[in-house]
């Protein structure tokens, strides 16, 4: 994926309990605290200290209130901001170090609910604050995103909705102009129909060069960007399934065996890129842009990006990239990729003196005025408005040097068509994105571990569960079967070895969490 980054354990329970001696551990007190009506903020600016990742981008240095961009947001929300950007590549470790030293901020950015802080009673339930001070947040952010940050009936984070309010961040893209050339009118709805399409790409010379060099489907190293092929059968390498009173990784399900078998058939029939297990990103993208690839798997938010690149690399070719629903095998209820309704999140710690002011700050960010700020910056500095029309061009007119980090750091809205039109300046681009988002809103495989911390195995080849990675043992097995080095039934041996070498312990951890938190 390029996978979305998952929230990993920031600090051990012992460390948190040692550092925060004032924590209320009584469940009765916790329930009482969450039902008390929030107290209004004073007229004085509320001080808010926040830890955020720098997203590997140039971010403001020095005092936050000396930065014009943050100063504007602070003035609009009657706050005094102290934002500490931590290096993206070291974000989790930096948080752990700071927490261990007693440095606890009011707000922590993450990618879900921080399980350690929650277990140790260090997070503020936000329901009452949101009901009173967050009407715009409740209106703009979809319920699926709130559900993802709810535990035991209480909301513990302010989520950024997934781009386009999609339910998944992986989908199938296909060259519609190739489909037209080989005479296929409709997108495939089953694995068998997908094979028919891919065979037509292989045999029908859709790129028109007479060389039969077409690659019907291309993917990348480490068995990545094949999620929706596997997802035709209801599981991917990042999902889990409740079966026989266990919550088991998707990689050891019978669904996965079927998915690997399908890819094996693709390889045998030369429907899969022969280099799909070694393709680096640059090579993979180059093949697509050179008019060699008919179908691939990627992020729905990049649907226009793919189209734009092909328009430039194949001028006059009439390339047309569309997103399609994942074909579904018989009997499969949920197909596609893993359900990911949220991107980043913001949790409020009990160190915060004024949670109401924090909620009001984020509530402003999702107003029309706040969204214009997030997307275009400071009025009359990085953009202007003329009779309600926004004038903005970050490359030419305004030289918006904050355009990189600002939306990544502060956006909470999944989709705003009006502002998207201003950003892209192309109705065709907006239509292409909307179409992809509509696909992503209709399909996904439920994430039964949403909100949990990763579950860890002591065996490196088993790896972790629910951290956006997969087992190296699985990668080796899937690759060998797909390439024909091992028969499909070798998968059954892999399942036995996986369980025996540490997988059962991982499954036990996940099942216990699921039974305590999710099972109904």
Protein backbone atom coordinates (compact mmCIF):
# COMPACT_ATOMS: atom_id res chain seq x y z
CA UNK A 1 0.00 0.00 0.00
CA UNK A 2 1.99 2.28 -0.42
CA UNK A 3 0.15 1.24 2.69
CA UNK A 4 -1.24 3.70 4.93
CA UNK A 5 1.03 3.97 8.09
CA UNK A 6 -0.49 2.32 11.11
CA UNK A 7 -0.35 3.58 14.68
CA UNK A 8 2.15 1.46 16.53
CA UNK A 9 2.78 1.14 20.26
CA UNK A 10 4.28 4.35 21.56
CA UNK A 11 5.14 3.42 25.10
CA UNK A 12 4.80 0.45 27.38
CA UNK A 13 2.05 0.32 29.96
CA UNK A 14 4.62 0.37 32.74
CA UNK A 15 6.18 3.58 31.46
CA UNK A 16 2.88 5.37 31.17
CA UNK A 17 1.66 4.25 34.56
CA UNK A 18 4.92 5.37 36.11
CA UNK A 19 4.95 8.77 34.44
CA UNK A 20 1.31 9.70 34.88
CA UNK A 21 0.52 9.06 38.50
CA UNK A 22 -2.54 11.27 38.46
CA UNK A 23 -4.39 9.00 36.02
CA UNK A 24 -7.85 7.98 37.09
CA UNK A 25 -8.04 4.20 36.96
CA UNK A 26 -11.54 3.81 38.29
CA UNK A 27 -14.03 2.82 35.62
CA UNK A 28 -16.77 4.52 37.61
CA UNK A 29 -14.84 7.78 37.56
CA UNK A 30 -14.10 7.37 33.86
CA UNK A 31 -17.80 7.00 33.14
CA UNK A 32 -18.64 10.01 35.28
CA UNK A 33 -15.96 12.15 33.66
CA UNK A 34 -17.23 11.41 30.18
CA UNK A 35 -20.76 12.49 31.07
CA UNK A 36 -19.87 15.83 32.66
CA UNK A 37 -20.81 18.77 30.46
CA UNK A 38 -17.71 20.54 29.09
CA UNK A 39 -16.87 23.92 30.53
CA UNK A 40 -16.65 26.82 28.08
CA UNK A 41 -13.28 28.26 27.22
CA UNK A 42 -12.29 31.68 28.54
CA UNK A 43 -11.80 34.75 26.37
CA UNK A 44 -8.03 34.33 26.68
CA UNK A 45 -6.38 32.31 23.91
CA UNK A 46 -6.25 28.66 24.88
CA UNK A 47 -2.78 27.15 24.89
CA UNK A 48 -2.58 23.96 22.86
CA UNK A 49 0.58 21.88 22.53
CA UNK A 50 0.56 19.33 19.74
CA UNK A 51 2.89 16.61 18.44
CA UNK A 52 2.73 15.96 14.69
CA UNK A 53 4.78 14.20 12.03
CA UNK A 54 6.61 16.37 9.54
CA UNK A 55 5.49 13.98 6.74
CA UNK A 56 9.10 14.13 5.48
CA UNK A 57 8.48 17.65 4.20
CA UNK A 58 9.94 21.09 5.02
CA UNK A 59 7.87 22.37 7.94
CA UNK A 60 7.95 25.58 9.99
CA UNK A 61 10.75 25.80 12.51
CA UNK A 62 11.09 27.97 15.60
CA UNK A 63 8.17 29.23 17.67
CA UNK A 64 4.84 28.20 16.18
CA UNK A 65 3.21 31.57 16.77
CA UNK A 66 5.98 33.27 14.77
CA UNK A 67 4.89 31.35 11.68
CA UNK A 68 2.34 33.35 9.63
CA UNK A 69 0.34 30.28 8.63
CA UNK A 70 -0.15 28.97 12.16
CA UNK A 71 -0.62 32.49 13.50
CA UNK A 72 -3.57 32.99 11.16
CA UNK A 73 -5.19 29.72 12.30
CA UNK A 74 -4.56 30.64 15.93
CA UNK A 75 -6.17 34.05 15.54
CA UNK A 76 -9.21 32.49 13.91
CA UNK A 77 -9.64 29.98 16.74
CA UNK A 78 -8.56 32.07 19.75
CA UNK A 79 -5.71 29.72 20.50
CA UNK A 80 -2.02 29.89 21.27
CA UNK A 81 -0.47 27.03 19.31
CA UNK A 82 2.71 25.15 20.09
CA UNK A 83 3.12 22.56 17.32
CA UNK A 84 6.10 20.24 17.59
CA UNK A 85 6.94 18.52 14.30
CA UNK A 86 8.81 15.24 14.70
CA UNK A 87 10.70 13.48 11.86
CA UNK A 88 8.37 11.18 9.99
CA UNK A 89 10.81 8.30 9.75
CA UNK A 90 11.43 8.40 13.50
CA UNK A 91 8.00 9.56 14.60
CA UNK A 92 7.02 6.56 16.68
CA UNK A 93 10.40 6.31 18.39
CA UNK A 94 10.50 10.06 19.03
CA UNK A 95 7.07 9.91 20.65
CA UNK A 96 8.14 7.00 22.80
CA UNK A 97 11.26 8.86 23.93
CA UNK A 98 9.36 12.03 24.75
CA UNK A 99 6.63 10.21 26.63
CA UNK A 100 9.22 8.26 28.59
CA UNK A 101 10.81 11.55 29.66
CA UNK A 102 7.46 12.87 30.84
CA UNK A 103 6.83 15.12 27.86
CA UNK A 104 3.10 14.63 27.24
CA UNK A 105 1.36 17.16 24.93
CA UNK A 106 -2.30 18.09 24.78
CA UNK A 107 -2.81 16.57 21.32
CA UNK A 108 -1.04 13.71 19.54
CA UNK A 109 -1.39 13.00 15.85
CA UNK A 110 -1.60 9.35 14.95
CA UNK A 111 -3.33 6.90 12.61
CA UNK A 112 -5.97 5.54 14.94
CA UNK A 113 -6.56 5.38 18.68
CA UNK A 114 -3.40 5.04 20.71
CA UNK A 115 -4.01 1.77 22.52
CA UNK A 116 -1.47 2.31 25.29
CA UNK A 117 -2.82 5.74 26.17
CA UNK A 118 -6.37 4.42 26.07
CA UNK A 119 -5.67 1.38 28.26
CA UNK A 120 -3.91 3.57 30.81
CA UNK A 121 -6.75 6.10 30.97
CA UNK A 122 -4.78 8.92 29.34
CA UNK A 123 -7.23 9.84 26.57
CA UNK A 124 -10.18 12.17 26.87
CA UNK A 125 -13.54 10.81 25.61
CA UNK A 126 -14.67 13.45 23.15
CA UNK A 127 -18.39 12.80 22.73
CA UNK A 128 -19.67 15.63 24.94
CA UNK A 129 -17.14 18.09 23.56
CA UNK A 130 -17.99 17.16 19.98
CA UNK A 131 -21.72 17.46 20.61
CA UNK A 132 -21.30 20.95 22.06
CA UNK A 133 -18.31 22.40 20.23
CA UNK A 134 -17.89 20.26 17.11
CA UNK A 135 -21.04 20.59 14.98
CA UNK A 136 -19.04 21.01 11.78
CA UNK A 137 -16.84 18.03 12.56
CA UNK A 138 -19.90 15.86 13.12
CA UNK A 139 -21.48 17.13 9.91
CA UNK A 140 -18.50 16.90 7.56
CA UNK A 141 -16.75 13.72 8.73
CA UNK A 142 -18.71 10.56 7.78
CA UNK A 143 -20.00 8.13 10.37
CA UNK A 144 -17.68 5.39 9.14
CA UNK A 145 -14.70 7.49 10.23
CA UNK A 146 -16.19 8.13 13.67
CA UNK A 147 -16.93 4.42 14.07
CA UNK A 148 -13.25 3.74 13.46
CA UNK A 149 -12.25 5.81 16.50
CA UNK A 150 -15.00 4.66 18.85
CA UNK A 151 -14.36 2.24 21.69
CA UNK A 152 -16.99 1.00 24.13
CA UNK A 153 -19.41 3.58 22.81
CA UNK A 154 -17.07 6.56 23.24
CA UNK A 155 -15.17 8.59 20.64
CA UNK A 156 -11.46 8.85 21.45
CA UNK A 157 -10.03 10.71 18.44
CA UNK A 158 -10.83 13.27 15.77
CA UNK A 159 -10.31 11.45 12.46
CA UNK A 160 -9.40 12.60 9.00
CA UNK A 161 -11.81 10.90 6.65
CA UNK A 162 -10.24 8.82 3.90
CA UNK A 163 -9.77 10.73 0.66
CA UNK A 164 -13.02 10.90 -1.24
CA UNK A 165 -14.72 9.36 1.81
CA UNK A 166 -13.75 6.02 0.30
CA UNK A 167 -13.87 2.77 2.22
CA UNK A 168 -10.67 1.44 0.68
CA UNK A 169 -7.35 2.84 -0.55
CA UNK A 170 -6.66 0.20 -3.18
CA UNK A 171 -8.62 -0.37 -6.36
CA UNK A 172 -8.29 -1.68 -9.89
CA UNK A 173 -7.45 0.68 -12.75
CA UNK A 174 -7.91 -0.36 -16.36
CA UNK A 175 -7.23 1.21 -19.75
CA UNK A 176 -10.76 1.76 -21.03
CA UNK A 177 -9.41 2.60 -24.50
CA UNK A 178 -7.74 -0.83 -24.54
CA UNK A 179 -11.07 -2.41 -23.63
CA UNK A 180 -12.73 -0.58 -26.51
CA UNK A 181 -10.06 -1.77 -28.96
CA UNK A 182 -10.51 -5.42 -28.02
CA UNK A 183 -14.29 -5.15 -28.10
CA UNK A 184 -15.09 -5.57 -24.40
CA UNK A 185 -17.93 -3.25 -23.43
CA UNK A 186 -18.27 -3.81 -19.70
CA UNK A 187 -15.88 -4.17 -16.80
CA UNK A 188 -15.50 -7.77 -15.56
CA UNK A 189 -17.70 -8.78 -12.66
CA UNK A 190 -16.19 -12.20 -11.86
CA UNK A 191 -12.67 -13.69 -11.89
CA UNK A 192 -13.56 -15.63 -15.05
CA UNK A 193 -14.64 -12.44 -16.82
CA UNK A 194 -11.40 -10.80 -15.70
CA UNK A 195 -9.43 -13.61 -17.34
CA UNK A 196 -11.35 -13.03 -20.56
CA UNK A 197 -10.41 -9.35 -20.47
CA UNK A 198 -6.74 -10.00 -19.72
CA UNK A 199 -6.49 -12.60 -22.46
CA UNK A 200 -7.92 -10.07 -24.90
CA UNK A 201 -5.26 -7.58 -23.81
CA UNK A 202 -2.60 -10.24 -24.35
CA UNK A 203 -3.78 -11.27 -27.81
CA UNK A 204 -5.56 -8.25 -29.28
CA UNK A 205 -2.70 -5.75 -29.73
CA UNK A 206 -4.60 -2.95 -27.91
CA UNK A 207 -1.60 -0.59 -27.97
CA UNK A 208 -1.55 -0.96 -31.74
CA UNK A 209 2.20 -1.37 -32.30
CA UNK A 210 2.00 -4.86 -33.75
CA UNK A 211 4.63 -6.21 -31.35
CA UNK A 212 2.50 -8.20 -28.90
CA UNK A 213 4.40 -6.56 -26.07
CA UNK A 214 1.33 -5.81 -23.98
CA UNK A 215 1.40 -6.62 -20.28
CA UNK A 216 -2.21 -7.37 -19.32
CA UNK A 217 -1.58 -6.79 -15.59
CA UNK A 218 1.45 -5.42 -13.75
CA UNK A 219 2.35 -5.35 -10.07
CA UNK A 220 5.38 -4.69 -7.89
CA UNK A 221 7.92 -6.42 -5.68
CA UNK A 222 6.97 -8.17 -2.45
CA UNK A 223 3.61 -9.25 -3.83
CA UNK A 224 2.35 -5.67 -3.60
CA UNK A 225 -0.38 -4.01 -5.61
CA UNK A 226 -2.23 -7.26 -6.12
CA UNK A 227 -4.60 -6.70 -3.18
CA UNK A 228 -7.75 -6.49 -5.26
CA UNK A 229 -6.87 -9.62 -7.21
CA UNK A 230 -6.67 -11.49 -3.91
CA UNK A 231 -9.64 -9.49 -2.67
CA UNK A 232 -11.86 -11.01 -5.38
CA UNK A 233 -12.00 -13.98 -3.02
CA UNK A 234 -12.72 -11.96 0.14
CA UNK A 235 -9.32 -11.64 1.83
CA UNK A 236 -6.02 -9.84 1.24
CA UNK A 237 -2.62 -10.03 2.90
CA UNK A 238 -3.75 -7.20 5.23
CA UNK A 239 -7.19 -8.44 6.32
CA UNK A 240 -8.41 -10.92 8.94
CA UNK A 241 -11.32 -13.34 9.14
CA UNK A 242 -13.33 -14.70 12.06
CA UNK A 243 -13.57 -18.43 11.49
CA UNK A 244 -14.05 -21.40 13.83
CA UNK A 245 -13.98 -19.13 16.90
CA UNK A 246 -10.63 -17.62 15.88
CA UNK A 247 -9.63 -14.35 14.32
CA UNK A 248 -7.14 -15.50 11.72
CA UNK A 249 -4.93 -13.56 9.31
CA UNK A 250 -6.21 -13.44 5.75
CA UNK A 251 -2.93 -14.97 4.60
CA UNK A 252 -3.82 -18.40 6.01
CA UNK A 253 -7.46 -18.56 4.87
CA UNK A 254 -8.84 -20.75 2.11
CA UNK A 255 -9.79 -17.46 0.42
CA UNK A 256 -6.11 -16.64 0.11
CA UNK A 257 -5.35 -20.02 -1.40
CA UNK A 258 -7.90 -19.27 -4.12
CA UNK A 259 -6.42 -15.82 -4.69
CA UNK A 260 -2.88 -17.13 -5.04
CA UNK A 261 -4.21 -19.81 -7.37
CA UNK A 262 -5.71 -17.12 -9.57
CA UNK A 263 -2.41 -15.22 -9.77
CA UNK A 264 -0.64 -18.51 -10.51
CA UNK A 265 -2.98 -18.99 -13.46
CA UNK A 266 -2.28 -15.44 -14.64
CA UNK A 267 1.45 -16.17 -14.58
CA UNK A 268 1.01 -19.43 -16.45
CA UNK A 269 -1.09 -17.75 -19.15
CA UNK A 270 1.29 -14.79 -19.44
CA UNK A 271 -1.38 -12.40 -18.21
CA UNK A 272 0.83 -11.12 -15.37
CA UNK A 273 3.96 -9.04 -15.77
CA UNK A 274 6.84 -11.53 -15.77
CA UNK A 275 8.78 -9.14 -13.51
CA UNK A 276 5.97 -8.49 -11.04
CA UNK A 277 7.98 -9.84 -8.11
CA UNK A 278 10.97 -7.59 -8.81
CA UNK A 279 9.50 -4.40 -10.30
CA UNK A 280 10.62 -1.29 -8.48
CA UNK A 281 8.19 1.61 -8.44
CA UNK A 282 9.99 3.61 -11.13
CA UNK A 283 10.14 0.67 -13.55
CA UNK A 284 6.51 -0.25 -12.86
CA UNK A 285 5.31 3.29 -13.52
CA UNK A 286 7.48 3.53 -16.61
CA UNK A 287 5.84 0.45 -18.11
CA UNK A 288 2.39 1.92 -17.53
CA UNK A 289 3.32 5.27 -19.05
CA UNK A 290 4.91 3.58 -22.08
CA UNK A 291 1.54 2.14 -23.16
CA UNK A 292 2.48 -1.40 -22.16
CA UNK A 293 0.10 -2.14 -19.25
CA UNK A 294 -3.65 -2.69 -19.40
CA UNK A 295 -4.53 -3.04 -15.71
CA UNK A 296 -2.98 -2.30 -12.34
CA UNK A 297 -3.84 -1.76 -8.68
CA UNK A 298 -3.40 1.57 -6.91
CA UNK A 299 -4.73 4.40 -4.74
CA UNK A 300 -8.09 5.92 -5.84
CA UNK A 301 -6.89 9.43 -5.01
CA UNK A 302 -4.33 9.11 -7.82
CA UNK A 303 -6.80 8.32 -10.58
CA UNK A 304 -6.33 11.70 -12.24
CA UNK A 305 -2.59 11.54 -11.65
CA UNK A 306 -2.43 8.37 -13.75
CA UNK A 307 -4.57 9.94 -16.46
CA UNK A 308 -2.51 13.12 -16.49
CA UNK A 309 0.76 11.21 -16.79
CA UNK A 310 -0.58 9.14 -19.68
CA UNK A 311 -1.89 12.27 -21.40
CA UNK A 312 1.64 13.65 -21.30
CA UNK A 313 3.52 10.46 -22.14
CA UNK A 314 1.09 9.39 -24.89
CA UNK A 315 -0.14 12.64 -26.48
CA UNK A 316 -2.91 12.10 -28.97
CA UNK A 317 -3.20 8.42 -28.05
CA UNK A 318 -6.59 8.77 -26.42
CA UNK A 319 -5.53 6.92 -23.28
CA UNK A 320 -8.44 6.59 -20.88
CA UNK A 321 -7.87 5.29 -17.35
CA UNK A 322 -10.89 4.28 -15.29
CA UNK A 323 -11.37 2.71 -11.86
CA UNK A 324 -13.52 -0.41 -11.77
CA UNK A 325 -15.23 -2.45 -9.10
CA UNK A 326 -13.32 -5.50 -7.98
CA UNK A 327 -14.67 -8.66 -9.64
CA UNK A 328 -16.25 -11.00 -7.11
CA UNK A 329 -15.91 -14.76 -6.87
CA UNK A 330 -19.10 -16.76 -6.33
CA UNK A 331 -20.24 -16.69 -2.71
CA UNK A 332 -17.98 -13.79 -1.70
CA UNK A 333 -19.87 -11.11 0.21
CA UNK A 334 -17.16 -8.46 0.63
CA UNK A 335 -14.59 -7.97 -2.12
CA UNK A 336 -11.94 -5.34 -2.80
CA UNK A 337 -9.26 -4.26 -0.35
CA UNK A 338 -9.10 -3.57 3.36
CA UNK A 339 -11.65 -1.16 4.78
CA UNK A 340 -9.74 2.02 5.70
CA UNK A 341 -12.23 4.83 6.45
CA UNK A 342 -9.66 7.08 8.11
CA UNK A 343 -6.24 8.52 7.48
CA UNK A 344 -4.60 10.40 10.33
CA UNK A 345 -6.21 11.08 13.71
CA UNK A 346 -5.79 13.45 16.63
CA UNK A 347 -6.21 12.22 20.20
CA UNK A 348 -6.61 14.55 23.18
CA UNK A 349 -4.66 13.58 26.28
CA UNK A 350 -5.64 14.24 29.87
CA UNK A 351 -2.76 16.68 30.04
CA UNK A 352 -5.01 19.10 28.12
CA UNK A 353 -6.50 21.83 30.29
CA UNK A 354 -9.11 22.88 27.75
CA UNK A 355 -10.38 20.02 25.55
CA UNK A 356 -13.26 22.22 24.43
CA UNK A 357 -10.84 24.70 22.85
CA UNK A 358 -9.07 21.83 21.07
CA UNK A 359 -12.32 20.56 19.58
CA UNK A 360 -13.24 24.12 18.55
CA UNK A 361 -9.89 24.48 16.80
CA UNK A 362 -10.43 21.37 14.71
CA UNK A 363 -14.06 22.28 14.16
CA UNK A 364 -12.96 25.53 12.51
CA UNK A 365 -10.61 23.62 10.20
CA UNK A 366 -13.59 21.88 8.58
CA UNK A 367 -15.70 25.00 8.07
CA UNK A 368 -15.68 26.50 4.59
CA UNK A 369 -13.26 29.17 5.79
CA UNK A 370 -11.08 26.56 7.48
CA UNK A 371 -11.05 24.30 4.43
CA UNK A 372 -10.00 27.20 2.23
CA UNK A 373 -7.15 27.81 4.66
CA UNK A 374 -6.12 24.14 4.66
CA UNK A 375 -6.18 23.93 0.88
CA UNK A 376 -4.97 27.38 -0.18
CA UNK A 377 -3.32 29.03 2.83
CA UNK A 378 -3.69 32.54 4.20
CA UNK A 379 -6.11 34.91 2.39
CA UNK A 380 -4.41 37.68 0.40
CA UNK A 381 -1.06 36.01 0.98
CA UNK A 382 -1.19 32.69 -0.83
CA UNK A 383 -4.60 33.11 -2.46
CA UNK A 384 -7.19 35.77 -3.17
CA UNK A 385 -10.97 35.86 -3.60
CA UNK A 386 -12.79 37.96 -6.16
CA UNK A 387 -16.57 38.07 -5.70
CA UNK A 388 -16.40 34.68 -4.01
CA UNK A 389 -14.14 33.14 -6.66
CA UNK A 390 -10.87 31.72 -5.33
CA UNK A 391 -7.75 32.59 -7.28
CA UNK A 392 -4.94 30.21 -6.49
CA UNK A 393 -1.98 28.71 -8.30
CA UNK A 394 0.69 27.36 -6.02
CA UNK A 395 3.18 26.95 -8.87
CA UNK A 396 2.89 30.39 -10.46
CA UNK A 397 0.87 33.17 -8.92
CA UNK A 398 1.23 32.79 -5.19
CA UNK A 399 4.43 30.82 -4.63
CA UNK A 400 2.72 28.96 -1.79
CA UNK A 401 5.62 27.47 0.12
CA UNK A 402 3.27 25.95 2.69
CA UNK A 403 1.33 23.90 0.13
CA UNK A 404 3.32 20.74 0.90
CA UNK A 405 2.90 20.33 4.64
CA UNK A 406 -0.26 22.33 5.33
CA UNK A 407 -2.91 20.02 3.81
CA UNK A 408 -1.10 16.88 4.97
CA UNK A 409 -0.91 18.19 8.52
CA UNK A 410 -4.28 19.86 8.93
CA UNK A 411 -6.80 18.38 6.52
CA UNK A 412 -9.69 16.43 8.02
CA UNK A 413 -12.16 16.51 5.13
CA UNK A 414 -12.38 13.54 2.79
CA UNK A 415 -13.93 15.32 -0.15
CA UNK A 416 -14.87 18.89 -1.10
CA UNK A 417 -15.78 19.04 -4.77
CA UNK A 418 -15.90 22.82 -4.90
CA UNK A 419 -12.35 23.22 -3.61
CA UNK A 420 -11.14 20.26 -5.65
CA UNK A 421 -12.18 22.10 -8.82
CA UNK A 422 -10.07 25.07 -7.78
CA UNK A 423 -7.07 22.86 -6.99
CA UNK A 424 -7.16 20.88 -10.22
CA UNK A 425 -8.56 23.56 -12.50
CA UNK A 426 -9.95 20.87 -14.80
CA UNK A 427 -13.50 19.54 -14.85
CA UNK A 428 -12.32 16.30 -16.45
CA UNK A 429 -9.89 15.77 -13.60
CA UNK A 430 -12.61 16.29 -11.02
CA UNK A 431 -14.93 13.89 -12.84
CA UNK A 432 -12.20 11.26 -13.01
CA UNK A 433 -11.52 11.54 -9.28
CA UNK A 434 -15.21 11.48 -8.39
CA UNK A 435 -15.72 8.33 -10.43
CA UNK A 436 -12.83 6.59 -8.65
CA UNK A 437 -14.08 7.69 -5.25
CA UNK A 438 -17.54 6.38 -6.02
CA UNK A 439 -16.03 2.96 -6.68
CA UNK A 440 -14.11 3.13 -3.40
CA UNK A 441 -17.28 4.01 -1.52
CA UNK A 442 -19.05 0.86 -2.70
CA UNK A 443 -16.62 -1.91 -1.80
CA UNK A 444 -14.17 -3.04 0.84
CA UNK A 445 -13.36 -5.92 3.16
CA UNK A 446 -14.23 -5.04 6.79
CA UNK A 447 -11.27 -4.47 9.10
CA UNK A 448 -12.10 -6.54 12.17
CA UNK A 449 -9.00 -5.25 13.96
CA UNK A 450 -9.60 -1.57 13.32
CA UNK A 451 -8.38 0.36 16.34
CA UNK A 452 -6.17 -2.31 17.85
CA UNK A 453 -2.44 -2.05 18.28
CA UNK A 454 -0.31 -4.41 16.19
CA UNK A 455 -0.03 -7.94 17.54
CA UNK A 456 3.56 -9.15 17.65
CA UNK A 457 5.20 -12.50 17.21
CA UNK A 458 8.58 -13.47 18.61
CA UNK A 459 9.41 -15.09 15.27
CA UNK A 460 10.59 -12.63 12.59
CA UNK A 461 9.25 -14.72 9.70
CA UNK A 462 5.76 -14.60 11.25
CA UNK A 463 5.97 -10.85 11.73
CA UNK A 464 3.17 -8.74 13.14
CA UNK A 465 -0.56 -8.53 12.56
CA UNK A 466 -2.37 -5.27 11.82
CA UNK A 467 0.62 -3.02 11.17
CA UNK A 468 0.36 -2.67 7.40
CA UNK A 469 2.94 -5.37 6.64
CA UNK A 470 2.72 -9.07 6.01
CA UNK A 471 4.63 -12.20 6.94
CA UNK A 472 7.87 -12.92 5.08
CA UNK A 473 6.93 -16.59 5.29
CA UNK A 474 3.76 -15.77 3.38
CA UNK A 475 5.60 -13.70 0.77
CA UNK A 476 7.98 -16.57 0.07
CA UNK A 477 5.17 -19.11 -0.13
CA UNK A 478 2.91 -16.99 -2.33
CA UNK A 479 5.78 -16.16 -4.67
CA UNK A 480 6.90 -19.76 -5.08
CA UNK A 481 3.36 -20.96 -5.77
CA UNK A 482 2.64 -18.11 -8.19
CA UNK A 483 5.83 -18.80 -10.16
CA UNK A 484 5.11 -22.54 -10.29
CA UNK A 485 8.03 -23.58 -8.11
CA UNK A 486 5.56 -25.21 -5.72
CA UNK A 487 2.08 -26.70 -6.29
CA UNK A 488 -0.96 -24.83 -5.03
CA UNK A 489 -1.46 -27.38 -2.24
CA UNK A 490 1.90 -26.28 -0.81
CA UNK A 491 -0.21 -23.51 0.70
CA UNK A 492 -1.65 -26.02 3.18
CA UNK A 493 1.85 -26.85 4.42
CA UNK A 494 2.54 -23.14 4.81
CA UNK A 495 -0.55 -22.75 7.01
CA UNK A 496 0.61 -25.57 9.30
CA UNK A 497 4.12 -24.13 9.56
CA UNK A 498 2.81 -20.60 10.14
CA UNK A 499 0.68 -21.73 13.04
CA UNK A 500 3.37 -23.94 14.56
CA UNK A 501 6.17 -21.37 14.36
CA UNK A 502 4.41 -18.56 16.20
CA UNK A 503 1.24 -17.86 14.28
CA UNK A 504 -1.01 -19.48 16.85
CA UNK A 505 0.20 -17.07 19.51
CA UNK A 506 -0.51 -14.15 17.19
CA UNK A 507 -3.97 -15.52 16.48
CA UNK A 508 -4.60 -15.95 20.22
CA UNK A 509 -3.70 -12.30 20.88
CA UNK A 510 -5.92 -11.04 18.07
CA UNK A 511 -8.82 -13.28 19.02
CA UNK A 512 -8.74 -12.16 22.65
CA UNK A 513 -8.74 -8.52 21.58
CA UNK A 514 -11.59 -9.13 19.13
CA UNK A 515 -13.71 -10.98 21.68
CA UNK A 516 -13.22 -8.18 24.19
CA UNK A 517 -13.70 -5.24 21.85
CA UNK A 518 -15.54 -6.14 18.68
CA UNK A 519 -17.44 -9.39 18.74
CA UNK A 520 -21.21 -8.93 18.98
